[in-house]
Amino acid sequence: MKHRIALYLFLLATLLVGCGDRVSMRQLEQLESRVNDAPDSVLAVLTATDMPRWGERRALYALLTVQAQDKSYIDVAYSLILSRFR
C-alpha cells in the first residue's frame, strides 16, 4: 500500500513537472526504475510527454515505451514501433 501511494505521488510529480515538456534524462531514469512494477503508469507518463528529438534520451524513451507496452500486454507491430521513433 505504501509503495502504491509513493508511486502515485511520484507519477503526479512527474506529470506536473514534465507535462507538455520534453522529458529529462533524470525523469527517464526514474521511469526506468518503475517500468517492471507499474508498466501501465510508466506508459501513461511517457505518452503524456513529448518525445525527445535526438540522442540518448530519445533512445531511452523509445526503449521504455516498448518495455512498458510489452509488460502491459499491449501487442504492437514492430514496424509501427520503429516508425514512431524515426
N, C-alpha and C. Protein backbone atom coordinates (compact mmCIF):
# COMPACT_ATOMS: atom_id res chain seq x y z
N MET A 1 0.82 -1.19 0.00
CA MET A 1 0.00 0.00 0.00
C MET A 1 0.88 1.26 0.00
N LYS A 2 1.92 1.27 0.83
CA LYS A 2 2.81 2.42 0.88
C LYS A 2 3.51 2.63 -0.46
N HIS A 3 3.87 1.52 -1.11
CA HIS A 3 4.55 1.62 -2.39
C HIS A 3 3.63 2.21 -3.45
N ARG A 4 2.36 1.83 -3.40
CA ARG A 4 1.41 2.32 -4.38
C ARG A 4 1.18 3.82 -4.21
N ILE A 5 1.07 4.27 -2.98
CA ILE A 5 0.90 5.69 -2.71
C ILE A 5 2.12 6.46 -3.18
N ALA A 6 3.30 5.94 -2.86
CA ALA A 6 4.54 6.59 -3.28
C ALA A 6 4.62 6.65 -4.81
N LEU A 7 4.20 5.58 -5.47
CA LEU A 7 4.23 5.54 -6.93
C LEU A 7 3.30 6.59 -7.51
N TYR A 8 2.09 6.70 -6.98
CA TYR A 8 1.15 7.69 -7.49
C TYR A 8 1.64 9.11 -7.25
N LEU A 9 2.25 9.34 -6.11
CA LEU A 9 2.81 10.67 -5.85
C LEU A 9 3.96 10.97 -6.81
N PHE A 10 4.79 9.96 -7.05
CA PHE A 10 5.89 10.12 -8.00
C PHE A 10 5.37 10.44 -9.39
N LEU A 11 4.36 9.71 -9.83
CA LEU A 11 3.82 9.92 -11.16
C LEU A 11 3.14 11.29 -11.28
N LEU A 12 2.45 11.70 -10.23
CA LEU A 12 1.82 13.02 -10.23
C LEU A 12 2.87 14.11 -10.32
N ALA A 13 3.93 13.98 -9.54
CA ALA A 13 5.01 14.97 -9.58
C ALA A 13 5.66 15.00 -10.95
N THR A 14 5.86 13.84 -11.54
CA THR A 14 6.47 13.77 -12.86
C THR A 14 5.59 14.46 -13.90
N LEU A 15 4.28 14.23 -13.80
CA LEU A 15 3.37 14.87 -14.75
C LEU A 15 3.33 16.38 -14.56
N LEU A 16 3.33 16.83 -13.32
CA LEU A 16 3.28 18.26 -13.07
C LEU A 16 4.54 18.96 -13.54
N VAL A 17 5.67 18.33 -13.34
CA VAL A 17 6.94 18.93 -13.74
C VAL A 17 7.12 18.84 -15.24
N GLY A 18 6.78 17.71 -15.82
CA GLY A 18 7.12 17.48 -17.22
C GLY A 18 5.96 17.51 -18.19
N CYS A 19 4.79 17.88 -17.76
CA CYS A 19 3.62 17.84 -18.64
C CYS A 19 3.80 18.81 -19.82
N GLY A 20 3.79 18.25 -21.01
CA GLY A 20 3.93 19.05 -22.20
C GLY A 20 5.37 19.39 -22.56
N ASP A 21 6.28 19.20 -21.67
CA ASP A 21 7.68 19.47 -21.94
C ASP A 21 8.38 18.21 -22.38
N ARG A 22 9.54 18.38 -22.90
CA ARG A 22 10.35 17.22 -23.22
C ARG A 22 10.81 16.58 -21.91
N VAL A 23 10.84 15.29 -21.89
CA VAL A 23 11.19 14.56 -20.69
C VAL A 23 12.71 14.61 -20.48
N SER A 24 13.12 14.79 -19.23
CA SER A 24 14.55 14.89 -18.92
C SER A 24 15.14 13.50 -18.71
N MET A 25 16.45 13.43 -18.75
CA MET A 25 17.14 12.16 -18.54
C MET A 25 16.85 11.64 -17.13
N ARG A 26 16.80 12.52 -16.16
CA ARG A 26 16.51 12.09 -14.78
C ARG A 26 15.11 11.48 -14.68
N GLN A 27 14.14 12.10 -15.33
CA GLN A 27 12.79 11.55 -15.32
C GLN A 27 12.75 10.18 -16.00
N LEU A 28 13.48 10.05 -17.09
CA LEU A 28 13.52 8.76 -17.78
C LEU A 28 14.16 7.69 -16.90
N GLU A 29 15.20 8.03 -16.18
CA GLU A 29 15.84 7.07 -15.28
C GLU A 29 14.90 6.67 -14.15
N GLN A 30 14.11 7.60 -13.65
CA GLN A 30 13.14 7.28 -12.62
C GLN A 30 12.05 6.36 -13.17
N LEU A 31 11.61 6.63 -14.38
CA LEU A 31 10.62 5.77 -15.01
C LEU A 31 11.19 4.38 -15.28
N GLU A 32 12.47 4.33 -15.64
CA GLU A 32 13.12 3.05 -15.90
C GLU A 32 13.11 2.17 -14.64
N SER A 33 13.26 2.79 -13.48
CA SER A 33 13.26 2.03 -12.24
C SER A 33 11.87 1.51 -11.89
N ARG A 34 10.83 2.08 -12.49
CA ARG A 34 9.45 1.69 -12.18
C ARG A 34 8.78 0.83 -13.25
N VAL A 35 9.43 0.67 -14.40
CA VAL A 35 8.77 0.00 -15.52
C VAL A 35 8.39 -1.44 -15.20
N ASN A 36 9.13 -2.14 -14.37
CA ASN A 36 8.79 -3.52 -14.03
C ASN A 36 7.64 -3.60 -13.04
N ASP A 37 7.52 -2.61 -12.15
CA ASP A 37 6.48 -2.63 -11.12
C ASP A 37 5.15 -2.07 -11.60
N ALA A 38 5.20 -1.02 -12.39
CA ALA A 38 3.98 -0.35 -12.83
C ALA A 38 4.09 0.08 -14.29
N PRO A 39 4.11 -0.87 -15.21
CA PRO A 39 4.31 -0.52 -16.61
C PRO A 39 3.19 0.35 -17.19
N ASP A 40 1.96 0.13 -16.73
CA ASP A 40 0.85 0.94 -17.25
C ASP A 40 0.98 2.40 -16.85
N SER A 41 1.45 2.65 -15.64
CA SER A 41 1.65 4.02 -15.18
C SER A 41 2.82 4.68 -15.91
N VAL A 42 3.88 3.92 -16.12
CA VAL A 42 5.03 4.44 -16.87
C VAL A 42 4.61 4.79 -18.29
N LEU A 43 3.83 3.93 -18.90
CA LEU A 43 3.36 4.18 -20.26
C LEU A 43 2.49 5.44 -20.31
N ALA A 44 1.66 5.63 -19.30
CA ALA A 44 0.82 6.83 -19.24
C ALA A 44 1.67 8.10 -19.16
N VAL A 45 2.72 8.06 -18.36
CA VAL A 45 3.60 9.22 -18.24
C VAL A 45 4.33 9.47 -19.56
N LEU A 46 4.82 8.42 -20.19
CA LEU A 46 5.56 8.58 -21.44
C LEU A 46 4.67 9.12 -22.56
N THR A 47 3.44 8.66 -22.63
CA THR A 47 2.56 9.15 -23.69
C THR A 47 2.08 10.57 -23.42
N ALA A 48 2.13 11.02 -22.17
CA ALA A 48 1.72 12.38 -21.82
C ALA A 48 2.83 13.40 -22.06
N THR A 49 4.04 12.93 -22.29
CA THR A 49 5.16 13.84 -22.52
C THR A 49 5.60 13.78 -23.97
N ASP A 50 6.26 14.82 -24.40
CA ASP A 50 6.79 14.84 -25.75
C ASP A 50 8.05 14.00 -25.85
N MET A 51 8.20 13.34 -26.98
CA MET A 51 9.38 12.52 -27.19
C MET A 51 10.59 13.40 -27.45
N PRO A 52 11.72 13.09 -26.84
CA PRO A 52 12.95 13.85 -27.13
C PRO A 52 13.29 13.79 -28.61
N ARG A 53 13.93 14.82 -29.10
CA ARG A 53 14.22 14.92 -30.55
C ARG A 53 15.37 14.05 -31.00
N TRP A 54 16.38 13.86 -30.16
CA TRP A 54 17.56 13.12 -30.59
C TRP A 54 18.34 12.62 -29.39
N GLY A 55 19.31 11.77 -29.69
CA GLY A 55 20.30 11.35 -28.70
C GLY A 55 19.87 10.25 -27.76
N GLU A 56 20.59 10.21 -26.66
CA GLU A 56 20.43 9.16 -25.66
C GLU A 56 19.03 9.18 -25.03
N ARG A 57 18.50 10.38 -24.81
CA ARG A 57 17.16 10.47 -24.22
C ARG A 57 16.11 9.88 -25.15
N ARG A 58 16.25 10.12 -26.43
CA ARG A 58 15.29 9.58 -27.40
C ARG A 58 15.34 8.05 -27.41
N ALA A 59 16.54 7.50 -27.37
CA ALA A 59 16.70 6.05 -27.38
C ALA A 59 16.11 5.43 -26.11
N LEU A 60 16.37 6.04 -24.96
CA LEU A 60 15.83 5.52 -23.70
C LEU A 60 14.32 5.66 -23.66
N TYR A 61 13.80 6.76 -24.18
CA TYR A 61 12.35 6.97 -24.27
C TYR A 61 11.71 5.85 -25.09
N ALA A 62 12.30 5.56 -26.24
CA ALA A 62 11.78 4.51 -27.12
C ALA A 62 11.84 3.15 -26.44
N LEU A 63 12.97 2.85 -25.80
CA LEU A 63 13.13 1.57 -25.11
C LEU A 63 12.10 1.42 -23.98
N LEU A 64 11.93 2.45 -23.18
CA LEU A 64 10.98 2.39 -22.08
C LEU A 64 9.54 2.25 -22.58
N THR A 65 9.24 2.92 -23.68
CA THR A 65 7.90 2.81 -24.24
C THR A 65 7.61 1.39 -24.68
N VAL A 66 8.56 0.78 -25.37
CA VAL A 66 8.39 -0.59 -25.83
C VAL A 66 8.31 -1.55 -24.64
N GLN A 67 9.16 -1.37 -23.63
CA GLN A 67 9.13 -2.22 -22.44
C GLN A 67 7.79 -2.09 -21.72
N ALA A 68 7.32 -0.87 -21.55
CA ALA A 68 6.05 -0.65 -20.85
C ALA A 68 4.89 -1.26 -21.63
N GLN A 69 4.91 -1.14 -22.95
CA GLN A 69 3.87 -1.76 -23.76
C GLN A 69 3.91 -3.27 -23.64
N ASP A 70 5.10 -3.84 -23.69
CA ASP A 70 5.25 -5.28 -23.59
C ASP A 70 4.77 -5.80 -22.24
N LYS A 71 5.17 -5.13 -21.17
CA LYS A 71 4.79 -5.57 -19.83
C LYS A 71 3.31 -5.30 -19.52
N SER A 72 2.69 -4.40 -20.30
CA SER A 72 1.26 -4.13 -20.16
C SER A 72 0.44 -5.02 -21.09
N TYR A 73 1.11 -5.95 -21.75
CA TYR A 73 0.48 -6.89 -22.67
C TYR A 73 -0.19 -6.18 -23.84
N ILE A 74 0.43 -5.12 -24.31
CA ILE A 74 -0.05 -4.41 -25.49
C ILE A 74 0.74 -4.94 -26.67
N ASP A 75 0.05 -5.56 -27.60
CA ASP A 75 0.71 -6.14 -28.77
C ASP A 75 0.77 -5.09 -29.86
N VAL A 76 1.97 -4.61 -30.12
CA VAL A 76 2.17 -3.58 -31.12
C VAL A 76 3.12 -4.13 -32.18
N ALA A 77 2.77 -3.93 -33.42
CA ALA A 77 3.62 -4.41 -34.51
C ALA A 77 4.98 -3.73 -34.44
N TYR A 78 6.02 -4.49 -34.67
CA TYR A 78 7.38 -3.99 -34.59
C TYR A 78 7.60 -2.80 -35.53
N SER A 79 7.05 -2.88 -36.72
CA SER A 79 7.24 -1.80 -37.69
C SER A 79 6.57 -0.51 -37.22
N LEU A 80 5.44 -0.61 -36.53
CA LEU A 80 4.78 0.58 -36.02
C LEU A 80 5.61 1.23 -34.92
N ILE A 81 6.24 0.42 -34.11
CA ILE A 81 7.09 0.95 -33.04
C ILE A 81 8.26 1.72 -33.65
N LEU A 82 8.93 1.13 -34.61
CA LEU A 82 10.08 1.79 -35.22
C LEU A 82 9.69 3.05 -35.96
N SER A 83 8.56 3.05 -36.63
CA SER A 83 8.16 4.24 -37.40
C SER A 83 7.86 5.41 -36.48
N ARG A 84 7.41 5.14 -35.31
CA ARG A 84 7.10 6.24 -34.35
C ARG A 84 8.36 6.94 -33.88
N PHE A 85 9.45 6.22 -33.79
CA PHE A 85 10.68 6.76 -33.22
C PHE A 85 11.69 7.22 -34.26
N ARG A 86 11.31 7.32 -35.48
CA ARG A 86 12.22 7.80 -36.53
C ARG A 86 12.30 9.29 -36.53
